[in-house]
Amino acid sequence: MKVIQLLPELNEGGVERGTVELNRELVKRGLESIVISAGGKLAEQINVDGGKHIRFDVCSKNPLSVPLRVVNLRRILNELKPDIIHARSRVPAWLAYLANKKLGIPFVTTVHGFNSVNLYSRVMTYGDRVICVSNAIKEHIQQHYRVPDEKIVVIPRGVDLKLFDPAYVDQKFIESFRQEYQLEGKFVVTSVGRITQLKDYETFIKGIVLVREQIPNIRGLIVGGVRKDKQDYFLFLQKLVRELNAEEVVSFCGSQSKIAEIYSTSDVVVICSKKPESFGRTAAEALAMDRPVVASEHGGVLDIVQAGETGEFFKVGSVSELTLALKVVLRRGYPDSRSYVCDHFSLQNMVALTEKVYCSTITSES
């Protein structure tokens, strides 16, 4: 089977990482894997892992260039003759959909997020099969586009259990990190993600400060980089920490590459997102590292966290409910969260289910 995945670029991000992982695993299964994108820092990894990357502009939103790009993409598809086309974003989906009209190659789309509801986004429902990364995404597209249930399949993003394994962490990094942020003897509460208003770090900071009265040894870590356009928000958060006299309680750790080790260092991982997340990769990765998760109660994370078993929920933006959840986590304990991820959210499960969709789509379209 020859598979083509299309996405705008291959830089950082969940869609990009998922594409790279799927390419690698498809090759391991003996499939021919091709990825078409406008390039990026992860593009060469496609080739390293045994696939083939083709650089083509499926990124630009300039409508004037669409006709020529459709013609050129149709030529590429006609030369490659894939068994299936898999579009993972809106611009690539439109280009592939239009280029494929005369070719009739089986076509699959993956809806990765809560896109704005309009004609532009509707293209993600044009696949012969539509993959949704969570039940929340499935409900979203069914509510707004009336996609028939039999056309949709929910396939959660998979966690690479080799990368996120408590038995294989970098102990030297962990020791150094704990020393740098003075974490010995602390109850470490971590929030991972870029510094952006959508992550609602104000609620996280206020929650850490408020619960300090009941948990004096608490330490809050915010792990994530700051883009230039988010510098004002970052300065606001730093000011909030100072105003709450929490410099010794809340630390900004910047962008970190050793995310598995960061989870391993933590006692609980918190997700405060204001906007519902399509899946909740952070939650699944933390649970894979046997760390409980406290999350705002909406979006794809509802599929991942089991209240009372692998973590707790709180109302979006509620500082008081967040502090209550943290106290519950400290008191209760949650044994063996990893096994739940292994059974439901592993990379191998994701790949197997995706290949099954490819096979059934090809069969039904032939």
Protein backbone atom coordinates (compact mmCIF):
# COMPACT_ATOMS: atom_id res chain seq x y z
CA MET A 1 0.00 0.00 0.00
CA LYS A 2 1.28 3.46 -0.94
CA VAL A 3 0.14 6.25 1.41
CA ILE A 4 0.46 10.01 0.92
CA GLN A 5 0.04 12.35 3.90
CA LEU A 6 -0.31 16.07 3.28
CA LEU A 7 0.17 18.86 5.82
CA PRO A 8 1.24 22.53 5.52
CA GLU A 9 4.71 22.34 7.07
CA LEU A 10 6.91 20.03 9.11
CA ASN A 11 7.98 22.18 12.02
CA GLU A 12 7.01 21.81 15.68
CA GLY A 13 3.48 20.89 16.68
CA GLY A 14 1.23 17.95 17.46
CA VAL A 15 0.08 17.40 13.86
CA GLU A 16 3.67 17.49 12.64
CA ARG A 17 4.93 15.06 15.26
CA GLY A 18 2.00 12.76 14.59
CA THR A 19 2.77 12.77 10.87
CA VAL A 20 6.42 11.93 11.47
CA GLU A 21 5.50 9.12 13.86
CA LEU A 22 2.90 7.67 11.50
CA ASN A 23 5.38 7.78 8.61
CA ARG A 24 7.95 5.87 10.66
CA GLU A 25 5.51 3.24 11.86
CA LEU A 26 3.93 2.71 8.41
CA VAL A 27 7.39 2.03 6.98
CA LYS A 28 8.03 -0.50 9.76
CA ARG A 29 4.81 -2.23 8.71
CA GLY A 30 6.05 -2.53 5.11
CA LEU A 31 3.94 0.27 3.61
CA GLU A 32 5.29 2.89 1.22
CA SER A 33 4.98 6.25 2.95
CA ILE A 34 5.18 9.65 1.26
CA VAL A 35 4.68 13.02 2.95
CA ILE A 36 3.99 16.21 1.02
CA SER A 37 4.58 19.55 2.75
CA ALA A 38 6.23 22.93 2.27
CA GLY A 39 9.17 21.67 4.32
CA GLY A 40 10.48 22.46 7.77
CA LYS A 41 12.91 21.22 10.42
CA LEU A 42 11.27 17.77 10.60
CA ALA A 43 11.16 17.17 6.84
CA GLU A 44 14.45 15.29 6.67
CA GLN A 45 13.27 12.95 9.43
CA ILE A 46 10.68 11.58 7.01
CA ASN A 47 13.50 10.38 4.74
CA VAL A 48 15.66 9.18 7.63
CA ASP A 49 12.81 6.97 8.83
CA GLY A 50 12.41 5.33 5.43
CA GLY A 51 9.66 7.43 3.93
CA LYS A 52 9.87 10.04 1.19
CA HIS A 53 9.31 13.75 1.65
CA ILE A 54 8.19 15.84 -1.33
CA ARG A 55 8.48 19.59 -0.94
CA PHE A 56 5.43 21.31 -2.40
CA ASP A 57 3.51 24.43 -1.39
CA VAL A 58 0.45 23.07 0.39
CA CYS A 59 0.79 25.86 2.95
CA SER A 60 0.04 29.21 1.32
CA LYS A 61 -3.50 30.54 1.70
CA ASN A 62 -3.19 32.78 -1.36
CA PRO A 63 -6.29 31.97 -3.44
CA LEU A 64 -4.73 33.34 -6.64
CA SER A 65 -2.14 30.55 -6.67
CA VAL A 66 -4.65 27.75 -6.06
CA PRO A 67 -5.44 26.83 -9.72
CA LEU A 68 -1.78 26.33 -10.66
CA ARG A 69 -1.02 24.44 -7.45
CA VAL A 70 -4.00 22.16 -8.03
CA VAL A 71 -2.75 21.33 -11.53
CA ASN A 72 0.78 20.66 -10.27
CA LEU A 73 -0.44 18.55 -7.35
CA ARG A 74 -2.65 16.52 -9.70
CA ARG A 75 0.42 15.82 -11.82
CA ILE A 76 2.37 14.67 -8.74
CA LEU A 77 -0.47 12.43 -7.59
CA ASN A 78 -0.91 10.98 -11.06
CA GLU A 79 2.81 10.14 -11.23
CA LEU A 80 2.95 8.62 -7.75
CA LYS A 81 -0.34 6.72 -8.04
CA PRO A 82 -0.94 6.34 -4.30
CA ASP A 83 -3.51 3.92 -2.94
CA ILE A 84 -4.76 6.55 -0.50
CA ILE A 85 -4.44 10.27 0.16
CA HIS A 86 -4.55 11.50 3.76
CA ALA A 87 -4.99 15.27 4.30
CA ARG A 88 -4.32 16.61 7.80
CA SER A 89 -5.07 20.33 7.47
CA ARG A 90 -7.42 22.64 5.57
CA VAL A 91 -5.24 24.11 2.80
CA PRO A 92 -3.73 20.71 1.89
CA ALA A 93 -7.22 19.21 2.06
CA TRP A 94 -8.63 21.74 -0.42
CA LEU A 95 -5.72 21.30 -2.82
CA ALA A 96 -5.88 17.51 -2.60
CA TYR A 97 -9.67 17.44 -2.91
CA LEU A 98 -9.61 19.59 -6.05
CA ALA A 99 -6.59 17.82 -7.57
CA ASN A 100 -8.13 14.44 -6.91
CA LYS A 101 -11.51 15.11 -8.51
CA LYS A 102 -10.41 13.67 -11.86
CA LEU A 103 -8.26 10.95 -10.32
CA GLY A 104 -10.69 9.39 -7.84
CA ILE A 105 -8.05 8.17 -5.38
CA PRO A 106 -9.51 7.14 -1.99
CA PHE A 107 -9.34 10.20 0.26
CA VAL A 108 -9.10 10.40 4.05
CA THR A 109 -9.03 13.51 6.25
CA THR A 110 -8.15 13.99 9.91
CA VAL A 111 -9.83 16.75 11.91
CA HIS A 112 -7.26 17.77 14.51
CA GLY A 113 -8.94 20.80 16.05
CA PHE A 114 -12.02 22.91 16.71
CA ASN A 115 -11.73 24.88 13.49
CA SER A 116 -13.97 27.88 12.83
CA VAL A 117 -17.28 26.83 11.31
CA ASN A 118 -17.39 27.90 7.65
CA LEU A 119 -17.00 26.63 4.09
CA TYR A 120 -13.22 26.77 4.35
CA SER A 121 -13.24 24.34 7.29
CA ARG A 122 -15.96 22.12 5.80
CA VAL A 123 -13.39 20.54 3.48
CA MET A 124 -12.15 18.48 6.42
CA THR A 125 -15.42 16.55 6.20
CA TYR A 126 -15.01 15.81 2.47
CA GLY A 127 -12.93 12.69 3.00
CA ASP A 128 -14.36 9.31 2.09
CA ARG A 129 -13.58 8.63 5.76
CA VAL A 130 -13.14 11.35 8.38
CA ILE A 131 -10.82 10.65 11.31
CA CYS A 132 -11.44 12.64 14.52
CA VAL A 133 -8.82 12.76 17.26
CA SER A 134 -11.43 12.75 20.06
CA ASN A 135 -15.13 12.35 20.69
CA ALA A 136 -15.32 16.10 21.34
CA ILE A 137 -14.10 16.75 17.77
CA LYS A 138 -16.58 14.21 16.43
CA GLU A 139 -19.45 15.99 18.18
CA HIS A 140 -18.19 19.32 16.85
CA ILE A 141 -18.23 18.32 13.18
CA GLN A 142 -21.50 16.41 13.47
CA GLN A 143 -23.18 19.38 15.11
CA HIS A 144 -22.02 21.88 12.49
CA TYR A 145 -21.73 19.80 9.30
CA ARG A 146 -24.13 16.89 9.87
CA VAL A 147 -21.54 14.31 8.90
CA PRO A 148 -23.09 10.83 8.98
CA ASP A 149 -21.90 8.67 11.84
CA GLU A 150 -20.78 5.80 9.59
CA LYS A 151 -18.33 8.12 7.81
CA ILE A 152 -16.49 9.07 11.03
CA VAL A 153 -13.96 7.13 13.04
CA VAL A 154 -12.42 8.36 16.29
CA ILE A 155 -8.69 7.62 16.52
CA PRO A 156 -6.94 9.33 19.43
CA ARG A 157 -3.40 10.52 18.94
CA GLY A 158 -0.96 7.90 20.11
CA VAL A 159 1.73 8.27 22.75
CA ASP A 160 5.11 6.78 21.91
CA LEU A 161 5.50 4.53 24.94
CA LYS A 162 9.22 4.12 24.29
CA LEU A 163 9.79 7.87 24.63
CA PHE A 164 7.46 8.19 27.59
CA ASP A 165 8.56 5.34 29.84
CA PRO A 166 9.33 5.90 33.56
CA ALA A 167 11.92 3.13 33.40
CA TYR A 168 14.07 4.95 30.84
CA VAL A 169 14.47 8.55 31.94
CA ASP A 170 17.64 10.61 32.12
CA GLN A 171 18.37 10.55 35.85
CA LYS A 172 21.24 13.03 35.52
CA PHE A 173 18.92 15.58 33.93
CA ILE A 174 16.31 15.00 36.62
CA GLU A 175 18.84 15.51 39.41
CA SER A 176 20.16 18.68 37.77
CA PHE A 177 16.65 20.02 37.13
CA ARG A 178 15.55 19.35 40.72
CA GLN A 179 18.61 21.13 42.04
CA GLU A 180 18.19 24.11 39.72
CA TYR A 181 14.60 24.70 40.84
CA GLN A 182 15.09 23.51 44.45
CA LEU A 183 12.49 20.73 44.25
CA GLU A 184 13.78 18.36 46.91
CA GLY A 185 11.03 17.63 49.45
CA LYS A 186 8.49 19.62 47.40
CA PHE A 187 5.06 18.70 46.08
CA VAL A 188 5.73 19.55 42.43
CA VAL A 189 2.81 20.71 40.28
CA THR A 190 3.65 21.28 36.62
CA SER A 191 1.88 22.85 33.66
CA VAL A 192 3.39 22.21 30.23
CA GLY A 193 2.74 24.31 27.12
CA ARG A 194 3.65 27.49 25.32
CA ILE A 195 3.04 30.75 27.15
CA THR A 196 -0.31 31.83 25.74
CA GLN A 197 -3.58 33.19 27.13
CA LEU A 198 -5.39 30.03 26.04
CA LYS A 199 -3.39 28.01 28.59
CA ASP A 200 -4.83 30.21 31.40
CA TYR A 201 -1.67 30.34 33.45
CA GLU A 202 -3.30 33.01 35.66
CA THR A 203 -5.59 30.36 37.12
CA PHE A 204 -2.63 28.02 37.57
CA ILE A 205 -0.58 30.63 39.44
CA LYS A 206 -3.48 31.73 41.66
CA GLY A 207 -4.33 28.10 42.41
CA ILE A 208 -0.78 27.30 43.49
CA VAL A 209 -0.67 30.35 45.76
CA LEU A 210 -4.08 29.65 47.29
CA VAL A 211 -3.42 25.99 48.04
CA ARG A 212 -0.07 26.84 49.64
CA GLU A 213 -1.92 27.37 52.93
CA GLN A 214 -2.86 23.66 53.00
CA ILE A 215 0.21 22.35 51.14
CA PRO A 216 3.13 24.50 52.37
CA ASN A 217 5.74 22.56 50.38
CA ILE A 218 3.97 23.04 47.01
CA ARG A 219 6.03 24.22 44.06
CA GLY A 220 4.49 25.23 40.71
CA LEU A 221 6.41 24.93 37.44
CA ILE A 222 5.38 26.51 34.14
CA VAL A 223 7.28 24.75 31.34
CA GLY A 224 6.97 26.36 27.93
CA GLY A 225 8.57 28.81 25.53
CA VAL A 226 7.46 32.38 24.79
CA ARG A 227 6.86 33.61 21.25
CA LYS A 228 7.55 37.26 20.45
CA ASP A 229 3.85 38.03 20.12
CA LYS A 230 3.22 36.63 23.63
CA GLN A 231 5.88 38.65 25.47
CA ASP A 232 3.29 41.03 26.95
CA TYR A 233 1.32 38.13 28.40
CA PHE A 234 4.53 36.63 29.82
CA LEU A 235 5.37 39.96 31.50
CA PHE A 236 1.83 40.04 32.92
CA LEU A 237 2.31 36.57 34.42
CA GLN A 238 5.66 37.53 35.93
CA LYS A 239 4.07 40.62 37.46
CA LEU A 240 1.23 38.51 38.87
CA VAL A 241 3.75 36.20 40.55
CA ARG A 242 5.49 39.18 42.14
CA GLU A 243 2.23 40.75 43.31
CA LEU A 244 1.24 37.48 44.98
CA ASN A 245 4.69 37.21 46.63
CA ALA A 246 5.07 33.84 44.94
CA GLU A 247 8.59 34.07 43.50
CA GLU A 248 9.65 31.18 45.76
CA VAL A 249 6.59 29.13 44.83
CA VAL A 250 6.09 29.51 41.06
CA SER A 251 8.93 29.16 38.52
CA PHE A 252 9.03 29.75 34.76
CA CYS A 253 11.24 27.01 33.30
CA GLY A 254 11.16 28.01 29.63
CA SER A 255 11.08 25.53 26.77
CA GLN A 256 12.44 22.10 27.69
CA SER A 257 13.35 19.18 25.42
CA LYS A 258 13.30 16.49 28.14
CA ILE A 259 9.53 16.48 28.59
CA ALA A 260 9.35 12.87 29.83
CA GLU A 261 11.85 13.79 32.56
CA ILE A 262 9.82 16.90 33.45
CA TYR A 263 6.74 14.72 33.94
CA SER A 264 8.78 12.26 35.99
CA THR A 265 9.95 15.10 38.25
CA SER A 266 6.36 16.19 38.87
CA ASP A 267 3.83 14.90 41.39
CA VAL A 268 0.87 16.10 39.31
CA VAL A 269 0.42 17.72 35.90
CA VAL A 270 -2.17 20.48 35.49
CA ILE A 271 -3.96 21.58 32.30
CA CYS A 272 -5.88 24.86 32.70
CA SER A 273 -6.76 25.51 29.04
CA LYS A 274 -9.57 28.02 28.48
CA LYS A 275 -10.26 26.69 25.00
CA PRO A 276 -11.12 22.98 24.77
CA GLU A 277 -8.21 21.02 23.40
CA SER A 278 -8.90 18.68 20.52
CA PHE A 279 -7.15 15.75 22.18
CA GLY A 280 -4.88 16.53 25.12
CA ARG A 281 -1.49 15.03 24.31
CA THR A 282 -0.01 16.48 27.51
CA ALA A 283 -2.51 14.53 29.60
CA ALA A 284 -1.82 11.24 27.80
CA GLU A 285 1.97 11.70 28.01
CA ALA A 286 1.82 12.54 31.73
CA LEU A 287 -0.34 9.50 32.45
CA ALA A 288 2.09 7.36 30.46
CA MET A 289 4.73 8.54 32.93
CA ASP A 290 2.45 7.44 35.81
CA ARG A 291 1.63 10.99 36.84
CA PRO A 292 -1.97 12.03 37.67
CA VAL A 293 -3.55 14.88 35.72
CA VAL A 294 -5.78 17.72 36.90
CA ALA A 295 -7.54 19.34 33.94
CA SER A 296 -10.19 21.88 33.05
CA GLU A 297 -13.37 19.96 32.30
CA HIS A 298 -13.89 20.21 28.54
CA GLY A 299 -12.58 19.05 25.18
CA GLY A 300 -10.62 15.96 24.23
CA VAL A 301 -9.07 15.56 27.68
CA LEU A 302 -12.43 14.17 28.81
CA ASP A 303 -11.57 11.04 26.80
CA ILE A 304 -8.23 10.65 28.54
CA VAL A 305 -8.52 11.47 32.24
CA GLN A 306 -10.73 9.25 34.39
CA ALA A 307 -11.94 11.29 37.34
CA GLY A 308 -11.06 9.57 40.59
CA GLU A 309 -8.84 7.00 38.86
CA THR A 310 -6.16 8.81 36.85
CA GLY A 311 -6.82 12.41 37.89
CA GLU A 312 -9.44 15.07 38.56
CA PHE A 313 -11.34 17.80 36.72
CA PHE A 314 -12.24 21.38 37.63
CA LYS A 315 -14.43 24.04 36.03
CA VAL A 316 -12.68 26.23 33.48
CA GLY A 317 -11.10 29.23 35.21
CA SER A 318 -12.13 28.18 38.73
CA VAL A 319 -9.23 28.76 41.11
CA SER A 320 -11.15 27.30 44.05
CA GLU A 321 -11.98 24.06 42.19
CA LEU A 322 -8.37 23.74 41.02
CA THR A 323 -7.09 23.99 44.59
CA LEU A 324 -9.65 21.43 45.74
CA ALA A 325 -8.57 19.04 42.98
CA LEU A 326 -4.91 19.42 43.95
CA LYS A 327 -5.71 18.58 47.57
CA VAL A 328 -7.68 15.52 46.44
CA VAL A 329 -4.75 14.33 44.31
CA LEU A 330 -2.33 14.74 47.21
CA ARG A 331 -4.61 12.77 49.53
CA ARG A 332 -5.76 10.00 47.20
CA GLY A 333 -2.97 8.76 44.96
CA TYR A 334 -3.57 7.11 41.56
CA PRO A 335 -1.76 3.81 40.97
CA ASP A 336 -0.72 2.62 37.51
CA SER A 337 -2.02 5.35 35.20
CA ARG A 338 0.39 4.07 32.55
CA SER A 339 -1.47 0.83 31.92
CA TYR A 340 -4.58 2.79 30.94
CA VAL A 341 -2.60 4.74 28.34
CA CYS A 342 -0.99 1.53 27.07
CA ASP A 343 -4.44 0.03 26.50
CA HIS A 344 -6.15 3.06 24.94
CA PHE A 345 -3.72 5.74 23.73
CA SER A 346 -0.56 4.05 22.50
CA LEU A 347 1.11 4.94 19.23
CA GLN A 348 0.76 1.32 18.10
CA ASN A 349 -3.01 1.45 18.59
CA MET A 350 -3.20 4.68 16.60
CA VAL A 351 -1.19 3.25 13.71
CA ALA A 352 -3.14 -0.01 13.62
CA LEU A 353 -6.49 1.79 13.58
CA THR A 354 -5.30 4.24 10.91
CA GLU A 355 -4.09 1.42 8.66
CA LYS A 356 -7.45 -0.28 9.16
CA VAL A 357 -9.20 2.91 7.96
CA TYR A 358 -6.93 3.04 4.91
CA CYS A 359 -7.71 -0.57 4.00
CA SER A 360 -11.47 -0.24 4.47
CA THR A 361 -11.57 3.01 2.48
CA ILE A 362 -9.64 1.51 -0.42
CA THR A 363 -11.90 -1.56 -0.42
CA SER A 364 -15.12 0.45 -0.34
CA GLU A 365 -13.97 2.82 -3.10
CA SER A 366 -12.73 0.08 -5.46
